[in-house]
N, C-alpha and C. Protein backbone atom coordinates (compact mmCIF):
# COMPACT_ATOMS: atom_id res chain seq x y z
N PRO A 1 46.80 74.85 164.91
CA PRO A 1 45.97 75.10 163.79
C PRO A 1 46.69 75.15 162.47
N LEU A 2 48.00 75.34 162.52
CA LEU A 2 48.66 75.56 161.22
C LEU A 2 48.95 74.20 160.54
N GLU A 3 48.76 73.12 161.35
CA GLU A 3 49.02 71.65 160.88
C GLU A 3 47.91 71.39 159.75
N GLN A 4 46.76 72.07 159.74
CA GLN A 4 45.79 71.66 158.79
C GLN A 4 46.17 72.21 157.38
N PHE A 5 47.18 73.13 157.23
CA PHE A 5 47.53 73.53 156.01
C PHE A 5 48.78 72.76 155.42
N GLU A 6 49.35 71.81 156.21
CA GLU A 6 50.35 70.98 155.82
C GLU A 6 49.93 69.90 154.78
N ILE A 7 50.72 69.73 153.65
CA ILE A 7 50.43 68.69 152.79
C ILE A 7 51.17 67.48 153.08
N VAL A 8 50.51 66.52 153.35
CA VAL A 8 51.04 65.23 153.80
C VAL A 8 50.84 64.07 152.71
N PRO A 9 51.96 63.43 152.29
CA PRO A 9 51.77 62.39 151.33
C PRO A 9 51.12 61.12 152.04
N LEU A 10 50.07 60.67 151.53
CA LEU A 10 49.37 59.51 152.04
C LEU A 10 49.88 58.16 151.45
N ILE A 11 49.98 58.30 150.15
CA ILE A 11 50.51 57.16 149.43
C ILE A 11 51.65 57.65 148.44
N PRO A 12 52.93 57.53 148.90
CA PRO A 12 53.96 57.98 148.06
C PRO A 12 54.32 57.01 146.96
N MET A 13 54.59 57.49 145.82
CA MET A 13 54.89 56.68 144.64
C MET A 13 56.06 57.29 143.89
N LYS A 14 56.98 56.44 143.53
CA LYS A 14 58.21 56.92 142.84
C LYS A 14 58.23 56.02 141.57
N ILE A 15 58.23 56.58 140.50
CA ILE A 15 58.46 55.96 139.17
C ILE A 15 59.54 56.47 138.39
N GLY A 16 60.73 55.75 138.44
CA GLY A 16 61.95 56.28 137.93
C GLY A 16 62.36 57.42 138.62
N ASP A 17 62.72 58.49 137.93
CA ASP A 17 63.08 59.84 138.49
C ASP A 17 61.93 60.64 138.85
N LEU A 18 60.70 60.19 138.59
CA LEU A 18 59.49 61.01 138.98
C LEU A 18 58.92 60.70 140.28
N TYR A 19 58.49 61.58 141.03
CA TYR A 19 57.79 61.30 142.26
C TYR A 19 56.33 61.80 142.22
N PHE A 20 55.46 60.78 142.36
CA PHE A 20 54.06 61.09 142.55
C PHE A 20 53.62 60.73 143.90
N SER A 21 52.59 61.35 144.44
CA SER A 21 52.14 60.80 145.72
C SER A 21 50.56 61.33 145.89
N PHE A 22 49.94 60.45 146.46
CA PHE A 22 48.47 60.74 146.81
C PHE A 22 48.45 61.40 148.20
N THR A 23 48.30 62.77 148.20
CA THR A 23 48.25 63.57 149.34
C THR A 23 46.83 63.88 149.96
N ASN A 24 46.86 64.50 151.08
CA ASN A 24 45.65 64.90 151.71
C ASN A 24 44.86 65.83 150.88
N PRO A 25 45.38 66.85 150.10
CA PRO A 25 44.51 67.55 149.13
C PRO A 25 43.77 66.67 148.12
N SER A 26 44.53 65.73 147.54
CA SER A 26 43.94 64.74 146.69
C SER A 26 42.80 64.00 147.22
N PHE A 27 43.04 63.59 148.53
CA PHE A 27 41.96 62.83 149.19
C PHE A 27 40.80 63.68 149.39
N PHE A 28 40.87 64.93 149.88
CA PHE A 28 39.80 65.67 150.14
C PHE A 28 39.09 66.24 148.84
N MET A 29 39.84 66.26 147.70
CA MET A 29 39.21 66.60 146.45
C MET A 29 38.27 65.39 146.01
N LEU A 30 38.91 64.22 146.10
CA LEU A 30 38.10 63.04 145.70
C LEU A 30 36.84 62.91 146.60
N LEU A 31 37.01 63.25 147.90
CA LEU A 31 35.80 63.12 148.72
C LEU A 31 34.76 64.14 148.22
N THR A 32 35.22 65.30 147.97
CA THR A 32 34.23 66.34 147.51
C THR A 32 33.59 65.92 146.14
N LEU A 33 34.50 65.45 145.26
CA LEU A 33 33.98 64.92 143.90
C LEU A 33 32.95 63.95 144.12
N SER A 34 33.29 62.92 144.94
CA SER A 34 32.21 61.83 145.08
C SER A 34 30.93 62.34 145.85
N PHE A 35 31.11 63.30 146.73
CA PHE A 35 29.92 63.83 147.44
C PHE A 35 28.93 64.63 146.51
N VAL A 36 29.65 65.34 145.61
CA VAL A 36 28.87 66.11 144.67
C VAL A 36 28.16 65.26 143.61
N LEU A 37 28.93 64.24 143.11
CA LEU A 37 28.37 63.28 142.18
C LEU A 37 27.17 62.49 142.83
N LEU A 38 27.27 62.02 144.02
CA LEU A 38 26.21 61.35 144.62
C LEU A 38 25.06 62.21 144.91
N LEU A 39 25.29 63.45 145.31
CA LEU A 39 24.28 64.35 145.61
C LEU A 39 23.48 64.77 144.33
N VAL A 40 24.06 65.06 143.26
CA VAL A 40 23.43 65.39 141.99
C VAL A 40 22.71 64.15 141.43
N SER A 41 23.36 62.95 141.43
CA SER A 41 22.65 61.85 141.03
C SER A 41 21.48 61.40 141.89
N PHE A 42 21.59 61.63 143.02
CA PHE A 42 20.41 61.35 143.99
C PHE A 42 19.28 62.38 143.68
N LEU A 43 19.69 63.59 143.67
CA LEU A 43 18.61 64.75 143.43
C LEU A 43 17.98 64.65 142.08
N THR A 44 18.70 64.26 141.10
CA THR A 44 17.96 64.26 139.78
C THR A 44 17.31 63.00 139.37
N LYS A 45 17.78 61.84 140.01
CA LYS A 45 17.06 60.66 139.73
C LYS A 45 15.73 60.57 140.49
N LYS A 46 15.67 61.20 141.57
CA LYS A 46 14.40 61.11 142.41
C LYS A 46 13.19 61.66 141.65
N GLY A 47 13.46 62.66 140.78
CA GLY A 47 12.45 63.26 140.05
C GLY A 47 11.94 62.34 138.95
N GLY A 48 12.74 61.38 138.48
CA GLY A 48 12.37 60.33 137.53
C GLY A 48 11.92 60.83 136.18
N GLY A 49 12.38 61.95 135.84
CA GLY A 49 12.08 62.52 134.50
C GLY A 49 10.63 62.97 134.35
N LYS A 50 10.07 63.51 135.39
CA LYS A 50 8.67 63.94 135.42
C LYS A 50 8.79 65.26 134.64
N SER A 51 7.57 65.63 134.19
CA SER A 51 7.43 66.90 133.47
C SER A 51 7.45 67.98 134.45
N VAL A 52 7.07 67.80 135.73
CA VAL A 52 7.06 68.81 136.69
C VAL A 52 8.13 68.40 137.75
N PRO A 53 9.31 69.00 137.78
CA PRO A 53 10.43 68.66 138.63
C PRO A 53 10.12 68.83 140.14
N ASN A 54 10.73 68.03 140.90
CA ASN A 54 10.63 68.45 142.41
C ASN A 54 11.52 69.52 142.77
N ALA A 55 11.50 69.94 144.10
CA ALA A 55 12.24 71.09 144.51
C ALA A 55 13.79 70.88 144.32
N TRP A 56 14.31 69.71 144.59
CA TRP A 56 15.73 69.50 144.40
C TRP A 56 16.22 69.50 143.02
N GLN A 57 15.37 68.88 142.17
CA GLN A 57 15.84 68.95 140.70
C GLN A 57 15.77 70.32 140.20
N SER A 58 14.85 71.06 140.58
CA SER A 58 14.92 72.46 140.31
C SER A 58 15.99 73.22 140.79
N LEU A 59 16.60 72.87 141.95
CA LEU A 59 17.74 73.52 142.48
C LEU A 59 18.95 73.22 141.47
N VAL A 60 19.01 71.91 141.02
CA VAL A 60 20.18 71.56 140.19
C VAL A 60 20.01 72.31 138.81
N GLU A 61 18.76 72.40 138.25
CA GLU A 61 18.53 73.16 137.15
C GLU A 61 18.84 74.66 137.22
N LEU A 62 18.43 75.17 138.29
CA LEU A 62 18.78 76.56 138.61
C LEU A 62 20.28 76.84 138.61
N LEU A 63 21.05 75.87 139.18
CA LEU A 63 22.51 75.98 139.19
C LEU A 63 22.93 75.88 137.69
N TYR A 64 22.36 75.02 137.06
CA TYR A 64 22.80 74.96 135.48
C TYR A 64 22.51 76.21 134.77
N ASP A 65 21.35 76.81 134.99
CA ASP A 65 21.00 78.03 134.28
C ASP A 65 21.85 79.16 134.82
N LEU A 66 22.26 79.22 135.98
CA LEU A 66 23.18 80.28 136.50
C LEU A 66 24.38 80.14 135.68
N VAL A 67 25.08 79.03 135.60
CA VAL A 67 26.26 78.85 134.84
C VAL A 67 26.16 79.25 133.42
N LEU A 68 25.07 78.73 132.77
CA LEU A 68 24.68 79.14 131.38
C LEU A 68 24.69 80.60 131.24
N ASN A 69 23.81 81.25 132.03
CA ASN A 69 23.78 82.72 131.95
C ASN A 69 25.05 83.42 132.22
N LEU A 70 25.84 83.01 133.04
CA LEU A 70 27.10 83.51 133.44
C LEU A 70 28.02 83.46 132.24
N VAL A 71 28.07 82.41 131.58
CA VAL A 71 28.93 82.08 130.39
C VAL A 71 28.35 82.98 129.22
N ASN A 72 27.06 83.01 129.01
CA ASN A 72 26.56 83.93 127.96
C ASN A 72 26.82 85.43 128.20
N GLU A 73 26.86 85.88 129.45
CA GLU A 73 27.04 87.24 129.67
C GLU A 73 28.59 87.70 129.58
N GLN A 74 29.41 86.68 130.13
CA GLN A 74 30.88 87.05 130.13
C GLN A 74 31.50 86.79 128.73
N ILE A 75 31.06 85.85 128.03
CA ILE A 75 31.57 85.39 126.76
C ILE A 75 30.52 85.73 125.66
N GLY A 76 30.03 86.78 125.64
CA GLY A 76 29.01 87.11 124.79
C GLY A 76 29.18 87.14 123.37
N GLY A 77 30.37 87.66 122.93
CA GLY A 77 30.69 87.85 121.62
C GLY A 77 31.13 86.62 120.84
N LEU A 78 31.41 85.51 121.39
CA LEU A 78 31.89 84.34 120.79
C LEU A 78 30.75 83.48 120.30
N SER A 79 31.14 82.54 119.51
CA SER A 79 30.16 81.67 118.95
C SER A 79 29.54 80.61 119.90
N GLY A 80 28.47 80.00 119.60
CA GLY A 80 27.86 78.99 120.46
C GLY A 80 28.65 77.89 120.78
N ASN A 81 29.52 77.41 119.84
CA ASN A 81 30.39 76.27 120.10
C ASN A 81 31.38 76.54 121.20
N VAL A 82 31.99 77.82 121.18
CA VAL A 82 32.97 78.28 122.29
C VAL A 82 32.38 78.34 123.60
N LYS A 83 31.02 78.85 123.67
CA LYS A 83 30.29 78.90 124.84
C LYS A 83 30.02 77.56 125.39
N GLN A 84 29.83 76.56 124.53
CA GLN A 84 29.50 75.18 125.01
C GLN A 84 30.78 74.63 125.50
N LYS A 85 31.89 74.95 124.94
CA LYS A 85 33.18 74.38 125.50
C LYS A 85 33.41 74.85 126.93
N PHE A 86 33.11 76.12 127.22
CA PHE A 86 33.42 76.68 128.50
C PHE A 86 32.34 76.43 129.63
N SER A 87 31.13 76.03 129.28
CA SER A 87 30.11 75.88 130.29
C SER A 87 30.40 74.70 131.16
N PRO A 88 30.84 73.50 130.82
CA PRO A 88 31.18 72.52 131.67
C PRO A 88 32.32 72.80 132.64
N ARG A 89 33.39 73.48 132.07
CA ARG A 89 34.56 73.90 133.02
C ARG A 89 34.13 74.88 133.97
N ILE A 90 33.44 75.89 133.71
CA ILE A 90 32.90 76.87 134.55
C ILE A 90 32.03 76.17 135.69
N SER A 91 31.10 75.28 135.29
CA SER A 91 30.20 74.58 136.15
C SER A 91 30.98 73.78 137.12
N VAL A 92 31.97 73.08 136.68
CA VAL A 92 32.84 72.21 137.62
C VAL A 92 33.51 73.14 138.62
N THR A 93 34.23 74.27 138.13
CA THR A 93 34.80 75.17 139.08
C THR A 93 33.93 75.80 140.07
N LEU A 94 32.75 76.08 139.59
CA LEU A 94 31.74 76.67 140.50
C LEU A 94 31.18 75.72 141.59
N THR A 95 30.84 74.53 141.21
CA THR A 95 30.37 73.51 142.24
C THR A 95 31.56 73.06 143.08
N PHE A 96 32.79 72.95 142.53
CA PHE A 96 33.90 72.65 143.40
C PHE A 96 34.11 73.71 144.52
N SER A 97 34.10 74.82 144.10
CA SER A 97 34.22 76.01 145.10
C SER A 97 33.09 76.12 146.01
N LEU A 98 31.89 75.81 145.51
CA LEU A 98 30.64 75.89 146.41
C LEU A 98 30.69 74.85 147.50
N PHE A 99 31.31 73.63 147.13
CA PHE A 99 31.26 72.58 148.14
C PHE A 99 32.65 72.56 148.98
N ARG A 100 33.67 72.91 148.35
CA ARG A 100 34.86 72.94 149.09
C ARG A 100 35.12 73.92 150.08
N ASN A 101 34.58 75.16 149.88
CA ASN A 101 34.85 76.25 150.94
C ASN A 101 34.08 76.03 152.20
N PRO A 102 32.88 75.68 152.13
CA PRO A 102 32.31 75.33 153.52
C PRO A 102 32.73 74.17 154.14
N GLN A 103 33.22 73.18 153.42
CA GLN A 103 33.90 71.98 154.03
C GLN A 103 35.18 72.27 154.68
N GLY A 104 35.87 73.32 154.26
CA GLY A 104 37.10 73.79 154.81
C GLY A 104 36.88 74.47 156.15
N MET A 105 35.66 74.78 156.44
CA MET A 105 35.33 75.30 157.76
C MET A 105 35.16 74.31 158.85
N ILE A 106 35.13 73.01 158.49
CA ILE A 106 34.97 72.07 159.53
C ILE A 106 36.34 71.89 160.33
N PRO A 107 36.29 71.92 161.65
CA PRO A 107 37.54 71.84 162.48
C PRO A 107 38.42 70.60 161.99
N PHE A 108 39.79 70.85 161.84
CA PHE A 108 40.75 69.88 161.48
C PHE A 108 40.54 69.25 160.08
N SER A 109 39.79 69.91 159.34
CA SER A 109 39.60 69.49 157.95
C SER A 109 40.59 70.17 157.03
N PHE A 110 40.96 69.66 155.86
CA PHE A 110 42.01 70.16 155.10
C PHE A 110 41.23 71.21 154.10
N THR A 111 41.76 72.45 154.05
CA THR A 111 41.19 73.54 153.19
C THR A 111 41.93 73.47 151.88
N VAL A 112 41.33 72.86 150.81
CA VAL A 112 42.05 72.80 149.61
C VAL A 112 42.29 74.06 148.95
N THR A 113 41.18 75.00 149.07
CA THR A 113 41.35 76.13 148.29
C THR A 113 42.18 77.17 149.00
N SER A 114 42.84 76.81 150.08
CA SER A 114 43.81 77.70 150.72
C SER A 114 45.12 77.63 149.96
N HIS A 115 45.36 76.73 149.21
CA HIS A 115 46.62 76.71 148.50
C HIS A 115 46.47 77.29 147.04
N PHE A 116 47.49 78.19 146.69
CA PHE A 116 47.44 78.94 145.56
C PHE A 116 47.43 78.00 144.20
N ILE A 117 48.18 76.89 144.35
CA ILE A 117 48.27 76.07 143.20
C ILE A 117 46.88 75.43 142.77
N ILE A 118 46.04 75.26 143.70
CA ILE A 118 44.69 74.72 143.43
C ILE A 118 43.66 75.67 143.06
N THR A 119 43.88 76.89 143.60
CA THR A 119 42.89 77.91 143.16
C THR A 119 43.34 78.63 141.98
């Protein structure tokens, strides 16, 4: 079971003295990113911009409001421009954690959030 925490280079790349590699954490993060983007795209386009959103679009809006309220409560004393800068960053971090943590519970799946450098 400890092999699931091992970082394995899938595509090693060496440019001069620099060593880059596409590893299994990179693969699983891209997998999560594509899943979240497809899910949000599918859920929000299905509503078609109607004045009364469907249940899935309401869920996405609820997540957006959650992040906005979190930013307003935690960064209350700062101006609106600063709050607008942090909202997308916190939103991405929240959705990344929301989708990566349950995905790490799948047997033999790589748990990206188990490594300190990523969290």
